């Protein structure tokens, strides 16, 4: 079992959270996932600044997505 308080890659987070990677990006764009609290970008100099990889704090993201699923029915069609 994966520890819920760890940071995972976008692909791994997508699988654990049962949403697609695009939806994670949309949550960032819409302001639901906050930098530092829910996601961070890689500090690998080869990836900066054009295509940084994102890492997600699973327990924080689960909380946000759970809240949205309770309050927003449109999330059902976004599930992976």
N, C-alpha and C. Protein backbone atom coordinates (compact mmCIF):
# COMPACT_ATOMS: atom_id res chain seq x y z
N UNK A 1 0.84 -1.18 0.00
CA UNK A 1 0.00 0.00 0.00
C UNK A 1 0.88 1.25 0.00
N UNK A 2 0.47 2.25 -0.76
CA UNK A 2 1.24 3.48 -0.85
C UNK A 2 0.87 4.41 0.29
N UNK A 3 1.89 4.94 0.95
CA UNK A 3 1.70 5.91 2.04
C UNK A 3 1.02 7.15 1.48
N UNK A 4 -0.12 7.58 2.05
CA UNK A 4 -0.88 8.70 1.49
C UNK A 4 -0.21 10.06 1.63
N UNK A 5 0.83 10.15 2.44
CA UNK A 5 1.45 11.45 2.66
C UNK A 5 2.72 11.65 1.83
N UNK A 6 2.90 10.85 0.79
CA UNK A 6 4.10 11.01 -0.03
C UNK A 6 3.79 11.76 -1.32
N UNK A 7 4.85 12.23 -1.95
CA UNK A 7 4.74 12.92 -3.23
C UNK A 7 4.95 11.90 -4.34
N UNK A 8 4.03 11.88 -5.30
CA UNK A 8 4.11 10.94 -6.41
C UNK A 8 4.11 11.68 -7.74
N UNK A 9 4.65 11.02 -8.75
CA UNK A 9 4.64 11.59 -10.10
C UNK A 9 3.21 11.75 -10.59
N UNK A 10 3.05 12.51 -11.65
CA UNK A 10 1.72 12.75 -12.21
C UNK A 10 1.04 11.44 -12.61
N UNK A 11 1.79 10.56 -13.23
CA UNK A 11 1.25 9.28 -13.66
C UNK A 11 0.81 8.44 -12.46
N UNK A 12 1.67 8.34 -11.45
CA UNK A 12 1.35 7.55 -10.26
C UNK A 12 0.16 8.16 -9.51
N UNK A 13 0.16 9.49 -9.38
CA UNK A 13 -0.93 10.17 -8.69
C UNK A 13 -2.25 9.94 -9.41
N UNK A 14 -2.21 9.99 -10.72
CA UNK A 14 -3.41 9.76 -11.53
C UNK A 14 -4.00 8.38 -11.24
N UNK A 15 -3.15 7.38 -11.15
CA UNK A 15 -3.61 6.02 -10.88
C UNK A 15 -4.18 5.90 -9.47
N UNK A 16 -3.49 6.44 -8.49
CA UNK A 16 -3.93 6.34 -7.09
C UNK A 16 -5.23 7.11 -6.87
N UNK A 17 -5.31 8.31 -7.47
CA UNK A 17 -6.47 9.18 -7.26
C UNK A 17 -7.65 8.84 -8.17
N UNK A 18 -7.40 7.97 -9.15
CA UNK A 18 -8.42 7.52 -10.10
C UNK A 18 -9.01 8.68 -10.92
N UNK A 19 -8.13 9.56 -11.35
CA UNK A 19 -8.48 10.64 -12.28
C UNK A 19 -7.40 10.67 -13.35
N UNK A 20 -7.70 11.26 -14.50
CA UNK A 20 -6.67 11.31 -15.54
C UNK A 20 -5.70 12.47 -15.28
N UNK A 21 -4.55 12.40 -15.91
CA UNK A 21 -3.50 13.40 -15.71
C UNK A 21 -3.97 14.79 -16.13
N UNK A 22 -4.74 14.87 -17.19
CA UNK A 22 -5.26 16.16 -17.65
C UNK A 22 -6.14 16.81 -16.58
N UNK A 23 -6.92 15.98 -15.89
CA UNK A 23 -7.77 16.52 -14.84
C UNK A 23 -6.95 17.10 -13.70
N UNK A 24 -5.82 16.48 -13.35
CA UNK A 24 -4.94 17.04 -12.33
C UNK A 24 -4.44 18.41 -12.76
N UNK A 25 -4.08 18.54 -14.03
CA UNK A 25 -3.65 19.84 -14.55
C UNK A 25 -4.78 20.87 -14.48
N UNK A 26 -6.00 20.43 -14.79
CA UNK A 26 -7.14 21.34 -14.72
C UNK A 26 -7.38 21.82 -13.29
N UNK A 27 -7.23 20.93 -12.32
CA UNK A 27 -7.40 21.32 -10.93
C UNK A 27 -6.38 22.39 -10.52
N UNK A 28 -5.19 22.30 -11.08
CA UNK A 28 -4.17 23.33 -10.83
C UNK A 28 -4.62 24.64 -11.48
N UNK A 29 -5.01 24.57 -12.74
CA UNK A 29 -5.43 25.77 -13.46
C UNK A 29 -6.63 26.45 -12.81
N UNK A 30 -7.56 25.66 -12.29
CA UNK A 30 -8.77 26.21 -11.66
C UNK A 30 -8.50 26.70 -10.24
N UNK A 31 -7.30 26.42 -9.71
CA UNK A 31 -6.94 26.90 -8.38
C UNK A 31 -7.31 25.99 -7.23
N UNK A 32 -7.78 24.79 -7.51
CA UNK A 32 -8.12 23.85 -6.44
C UNK A 32 -6.88 23.23 -5.81
N UNK A 33 -5.88 22.92 -6.64
CA UNK A 33 -4.63 22.38 -6.13
C UNK A 33 -3.60 23.51 -6.07
N UNK A 34 -3.06 23.73 -4.89
CA UNK A 34 -2.15 24.86 -4.65
C UNK A 34 -0.69 24.41 -4.70
N UNK A 35 0.18 25.26 -5.26
CA UNK A 35 1.61 24.91 -5.29
C UNK A 35 2.17 24.83 -3.88
N UNK A 36 2.98 23.81 -3.66
CA UNK A 36 3.60 23.62 -2.35
C UNK A 36 2.75 22.80 -1.41
N UNK A 37 1.44 22.97 -1.48
CA UNK A 37 0.54 22.21 -0.61
C UNK A 37 0.05 20.93 -1.27
N UNK A 38 -0.27 21.02 -2.56
CA UNK A 38 -0.82 19.88 -3.28
C UNK A 38 0.09 19.38 -4.41
N UNK A 39 0.87 20.27 -4.97
CA UNK A 39 1.75 19.87 -6.07
C UNK A 39 3.03 20.68 -6.03
N UNK A 40 4.04 20.15 -6.69
CA UNK A 40 5.30 20.87 -6.88
C UNK A 40 5.91 20.39 -8.19
N UNK A 41 6.77 21.21 -8.73
CA UNK A 41 7.43 20.80 -9.97
C UNK A 41 8.84 20.33 -9.65
N UNK A 42 9.34 19.51 -10.54
CA UNK A 42 10.68 18.97 -10.38
C UNK A 42 11.70 20.09 -10.44
N UNK A 43 12.76 19.95 -9.67
CA UNK A 43 13.84 20.94 -9.74
C UNK A 43 15.01 20.44 -10.58
N UNK A 44 14.75 19.44 -11.40
CA UNK A 44 15.76 18.91 -12.31
C UNK A 44 16.06 19.96 -13.36
N UNK A 45 17.30 20.46 -13.44
CA UNK A 45 17.63 21.53 -14.38
C UNK A 45 17.42 21.15 -15.85
N UNK A 46 17.42 19.86 -16.17
CA UNK A 46 17.19 19.45 -17.55
C UNK A 46 15.73 19.61 -17.96
N UNK A 47 14.83 19.70 -17.00
CA UNK A 47 13.41 19.82 -17.30
C UNK A 47 12.93 21.26 -17.24
N UNK A 48 13.72 22.13 -16.67
CA UNK A 48 13.29 23.52 -16.48
C UNK A 48 13.73 24.35 -17.66
N UNK A 49 13.06 25.40 -18.00
CA UNK A 49 11.76 25.82 -17.48
C UNK A 49 10.60 25.33 -18.34
N UNK A 50 10.87 24.62 -19.42
CA UNK A 50 9.82 24.37 -20.41
C UNK A 50 8.89 23.23 -20.09
N UNK A 51 9.40 22.14 -19.60
CA UNK A 51 8.54 20.98 -19.35
C UNK A 51 8.86 20.32 -18.01
N UNK A 52 8.61 21.04 -16.93
CA UNK A 52 8.91 20.41 -15.63
C UNK A 52 7.93 19.28 -15.35
N UNK A 53 8.40 18.27 -14.64
CA UNK A 53 7.51 17.21 -14.20
C UNK A 53 6.85 17.66 -12.92
N UNK A 54 5.60 17.25 -12.74
CA UNK A 54 4.86 17.60 -11.54
C UNK A 54 4.81 16.42 -10.59
N UNK A 55 4.84 16.73 -9.30
CA UNK A 55 4.67 15.74 -8.25
C UNK A 55 3.51 16.19 -7.37
N UNK A 56 2.72 15.23 -6.93
CA UNK A 56 1.50 15.53 -6.19
C UNK A 56 1.54 14.92 -4.80
N UNK A 57 1.09 15.71 -3.83
CA UNK A 57 0.97 15.27 -2.44
C UNK A 57 -0.36 14.54 -2.32
N UNK A 58 -0.30 13.24 -2.22
CA UNK A 58 -1.47 12.40 -2.39
C UNK A 58 -2.57 12.69 -1.36
N UNK A 59 -2.24 12.78 -0.09
CA UNK A 59 -3.30 12.98 0.90
C UNK A 59 -4.00 14.32 0.71
N UNK A 60 -3.25 15.37 0.36
CA UNK A 60 -3.87 16.67 0.11
C UNK A 60 -4.75 16.65 -1.12
N UNK A 61 -4.29 15.99 -2.16
CA UNK A 61 -5.08 15.91 -3.39
C UNK A 61 -6.33 15.07 -3.19
N UNK A 62 -6.22 13.98 -2.42
CA UNK A 62 -7.39 13.15 -2.14
C UNK A 62 -8.46 13.97 -1.43
N UNK A 63 -8.04 14.79 -0.50
CA UNK A 63 -8.98 15.61 0.24
C UNK A 63 -9.72 16.58 -0.69
N UNK A 64 -8.99 17.24 -1.57
CA UNK A 64 -9.60 18.19 -2.51
C UNK A 64 -10.55 17.47 -3.47
N UNK A 65 -10.10 16.38 -4.05
CA UNK A 65 -10.92 15.65 -5.01
C UNK A 65 -12.16 15.08 -4.33
N UNK A 66 -12.00 14.57 -3.11
CA UNK A 66 -13.15 14.06 -2.37
C UNK A 66 -14.17 15.16 -2.11
N UNK A 67 -13.71 16.33 -1.74
CA UNK A 67 -14.60 17.46 -1.51
C UNK A 67 -15.33 17.84 -2.79
N UNK A 68 -14.60 17.87 -3.89
CA UNK A 68 -15.22 18.22 -5.17
C UNK A 68 -16.24 17.17 -5.61
N UNK A 69 -15.93 15.90 -5.38
CA UNK A 69 -16.85 14.85 -5.78
C UNK A 69 -18.15 14.93 -5.00
N UNK A 70 -18.09 15.36 -3.78
CA UNK A 70 -19.30 15.52 -2.98
C UNK A 70 -20.11 16.70 -3.50
N UNK A 71 -19.41 17.78 -3.89
CA UNK A 71 -20.09 19.01 -4.25
C UNK A 71 -20.28 19.25 -5.75
N UNK A 72 -19.60 18.50 -6.58
CA UNK A 72 -19.65 18.73 -8.03
C UNK A 72 -19.92 17.42 -8.76
N UNK A 73 -21.08 17.27 -9.33
CA UNK A 73 -21.40 16.01 -10.01
C UNK A 73 -20.70 15.86 -11.35
N UNK A 74 -20.18 16.94 -11.93
CA UNK A 74 -19.52 16.81 -13.23
C UNK A 74 -18.22 16.06 -13.15
N UNK A 75 -17.70 15.81 -11.98
CA UNK A 75 -16.44 15.08 -11.87
C UNK A 75 -16.56 13.63 -12.30
N UNK A 76 -17.76 13.09 -12.26
CA UNK A 76 -17.94 11.69 -12.60
C UNK A 76 -17.41 11.35 -14.01
N UNK A 77 -17.59 12.24 -14.94
CA UNK A 77 -17.14 11.95 -16.30
C UNK A 77 -15.64 12.17 -16.47
N UNK A 78 -14.97 12.72 -15.47
CA UNK A 78 -13.53 12.94 -15.54
C UNK A 78 -12.74 11.76 -14.98
N UNK A 79 -13.39 10.84 -14.32
CA UNK A 79 -12.69 9.71 -13.73
C UNK A 79 -12.02 8.89 -14.81
N UNK A 80 -10.83 8.42 -14.50
CA UNK A 80 -10.06 7.65 -15.48
C UNK A 80 -10.58 6.23 -15.59
